[in-house]
Amino acid sequence: MATLKYSRQRASIKEYLDHTTEHPTADTVYLHVREEFPRISLGTVYRNLNLLADMGEAIKITTPDGGDRFDGNTHPHYHVVCTCCNRVFDLHIDEAHINTMNKLAEEHFEGTIDSHATLFYGTCQDCLTQKTSRES
């Protein structure tokens, strides 16, 4: 593979991902990066986000609502999607448990398991609080 040319726009996208825990959509990244690069196109943001994910420098999270989310934290961890507000949250579980899941899957697969991706679904604390206050 040819060496990838440095891009200030890509670097800005990566920096934004590295400094947020919000798991933004491409549209959200676009709005933030546009502050620094007013002429950047949404297509450029999409291409660079997918490129960062392909290079292993970001994680692409495909959610059931059809919108991809992106995470700059590439260390092994899970995600929870709130079924009320559709926000995505990090779920930090000890890496030993993650490795246990890989081993368990491998016991039931004729081959090797290298990794896995799992999305959990639930209701976030903010949505639970709002629901409780509406019911009171």
Protein backbone atom coordinates (compact mmCIF):
# COMPACT_ATOMS: atom_id res chain seq x y z
CA MET A 1 0.00 0.00 0.00
CA ALA A 2 1.31 3.45 -0.86
CA THR A 3 2.21 5.86 1.89
CA LEU A 4 -0.73 8.05 2.77
CA LYS A 5 -0.16 11.75 2.21
CA TYR A 6 -0.55 13.94 5.31
CA SER A 7 -3.78 15.91 5.38
CA ARG A 8 -4.44 18.80 7.77
CA GLN A 9 -8.15 18.14 7.42
CA ARG A 10 -7.75 14.45 8.36
CA ALA A 11 -5.52 15.42 11.28
CA SER A 12 -8.21 17.84 12.50
CA ILE A 13 -10.88 15.13 12.23
CA LYS A 14 -8.68 12.70 14.16
CA GLU A 15 -7.94 15.30 16.84
CA TYR A 16 -11.64 15.99 17.28
CA LEU A 17 -12.38 12.28 17.67
CA ASP A 18 -9.55 11.91 20.15
CA HIS A 19 -10.97 14.65 22.37
CA THR A 20 -14.64 13.72 22.51
CA THR A 21 -16.47 10.88 24.22
CA GLU A 22 -19.73 11.63 22.40
CA HIS A 23 -19.34 9.11 19.54
CA PRO A 24 -20.31 11.70 16.92
CA THR A 25 -21.93 11.16 13.56
CA ALA A 26 -20.14 12.37 10.42
CA ASP A 27 -22.50 15.36 10.38
CA THR A 28 -21.41 16.37 13.89
CA VAL A 29 -17.73 15.97 13.01
CA TYR A 30 -18.34 18.05 9.88
CA LEU A 31 -19.88 20.91 11.90
CA HIS A 32 -16.88 21.00 14.25
CA VAL A 33 -14.15 20.64 11.63
CA ARG A 34 -15.83 23.26 9.47
CA GLU A 35 -14.98 25.85 12.13
CA GLU A 36 -11.30 25.37 11.23
CA PHE A 37 -11.80 24.50 7.54
CA PRO A 38 -14.87 26.45 6.31
CA ARG A 39 -14.58 25.03 2.76
CA ILE A 40 -14.40 21.36 3.77
CA SER A 41 -17.17 19.23 2.28
CA LEU A 42 -19.28 16.67 4.09
CA GLY A 43 -18.02 14.09 1.57
CA THR A 44 -14.41 14.80 2.59
CA VAL A 45 -15.34 14.27 6.23
CA TYR A 46 -17.08 10.96 5.40
CA ARG A 47 -14.12 9.73 3.34
CA ASN A 48 -11.62 10.64 6.05
CA LEU A 49 -13.67 9.11 8.85
CA ASN A 50 -13.95 5.85 6.90
CA LEU A 51 -10.25 5.98 6.08
CA LEU A 52 -9.36 6.48 9.77
CA ALA A 53 -11.59 3.50 10.63
CA ASP A 54 -9.97 1.37 7.90
CA MET A 55 -6.51 2.32 9.21
CA GLY A 56 -7.50 1.36 12.78
CA GLU A 57 -7.19 4.93 14.05
CA ALA A 58 -10.92 5.19 14.81
CA ILE A 59 -13.82 2.82 15.36
CA LYS A 60 -16.91 2.94 13.17
CA ILE A 61 -20.04 2.00 15.10
CA THR A 62 -23.03 1.09 12.95
CA THR A 63 -26.18 1.78 14.92
CA PRO A 64 -29.67 0.41 14.28
CA ASP A 65 -31.02 3.83 13.30
CA GLY A 66 -28.73 3.71 10.26
CA GLY A 67 -26.36 6.44 11.37
CA ASP A 68 -22.74 5.50 11.78
CA ARG A 69 -20.98 6.85 14.85
CA PHE A 70 -17.22 7.22 15.26
CA ASP A 71 -14.96 6.70 18.26
CA GLY A 72 -11.36 7.85 18.57
CA ASN A 73 -10.76 5.39 21.43
CA THR A 74 -9.42 2.29 19.71
CA HIS A 75 -8.63 0.34 22.89
CA PRO A 76 -10.82 -2.75 23.32
CA HIS A 77 -14.16 -1.74 24.83
CA TYR A 78 -17.88 -2.13 24.25
CA HIS A 79 -20.64 0.36 23.47
CA VAL A 80 -24.20 0.86 24.71
CA VAL A 81 -26.85 2.48 22.53
CA CYS A 82 -29.65 4.23 24.44
CA THR A 83 -32.93 3.11 22.89
CA CYS A 84 -34.59 6.41 23.92
CA CYS A 85 -32.15 9.13 22.82
CA ASN A 86 -29.91 7.05 20.49
CA ARG A 87 -26.72 8.31 22.16
CA VAL A 88 -23.79 5.90 22.26
CA PHE A 89 -21.82 5.35 25.46
CA ASP A 90 -18.56 3.58 26.24
CA LEU A 91 -18.92 0.47 28.37
CA HIS A 92 -15.62 -0.35 30.00
CA ILE A 93 -15.32 -4.00 30.89
CA ASP A 94 -12.06 -5.57 31.98
CA GLU A 95 -10.07 -6.74 28.95
CA ALA A 96 -9.80 -10.22 30.48
CA HIS A 97 -13.57 -10.58 30.06
CA ILE A 98 -13.34 -9.44 26.44
CA ASN A 99 -10.65 -12.07 25.82
CA THR A 100 -12.82 -14.68 27.54
CA MET A 101 -15.60 -13.93 25.04
CA ASN A 102 -13.15 -14.47 22.15
CA LYS A 103 -12.05 -17.83 23.63
CA LEU A 104 -15.65 -18.91 24.23
CA ALA A 105 -16.60 -18.05 20.65
CA GLU A 106 -13.58 -19.93 19.34
CA GLU A 107 -14.74 -23.07 21.19
CA HIS A 108 -17.88 -23.00 19.04
CA PHE A 109 -16.25 -22.07 15.72
CA GLU A 110 -14.15 -24.18 13.39
CA GLY A 111 -11.37 -21.64 12.97
CA THR A 112 -9.86 -18.85 14.99
CA ILE A 113 -11.47 -15.77 16.51
CA ASP A 114 -9.31 -12.63 16.46
CA SER A 115 -11.75 -10.11 17.90
CA HIS A 116 -15.41 -9.19 18.17
CA ALA A 117 -17.68 -6.17 18.27
CA THR A 118 -20.75 -6.05 20.46
CA LEU A 119 -23.40 -3.38 20.90
CA PHE A 120 -25.54 -3.38 24.01
CA TYR A 121 -28.92 -1.65 24.08
CA GLY A 122 -30.52 -0.01 27.09
CA THR A 123 -31.74 3.25 28.56
CA CYS A 124 -29.23 5.84 29.73
CA GLN A 125 -29.43 7.49 33.14
CA ASP A 126 -30.55 10.83 31.66
CA CYS A 127 -33.50 9.19 29.89
CA LEU A 128 -34.42 7.17 33.01
CA THR A 129 -34.39 10.36 35.09
CA GLN A 130 -36.56 12.20 32.56
CA LYS A 131 -39.00 9.31 32.43
CA THR A 132 -39.23 9.18 36.24
CA SER A 133 -39.80 12.94 36.50
CA ARG A 134 -42.57 12.80 33.85
CA GLU A 135 -44.31 10.00 35.75
CA SER A 136 -44.21 11.93 39.05
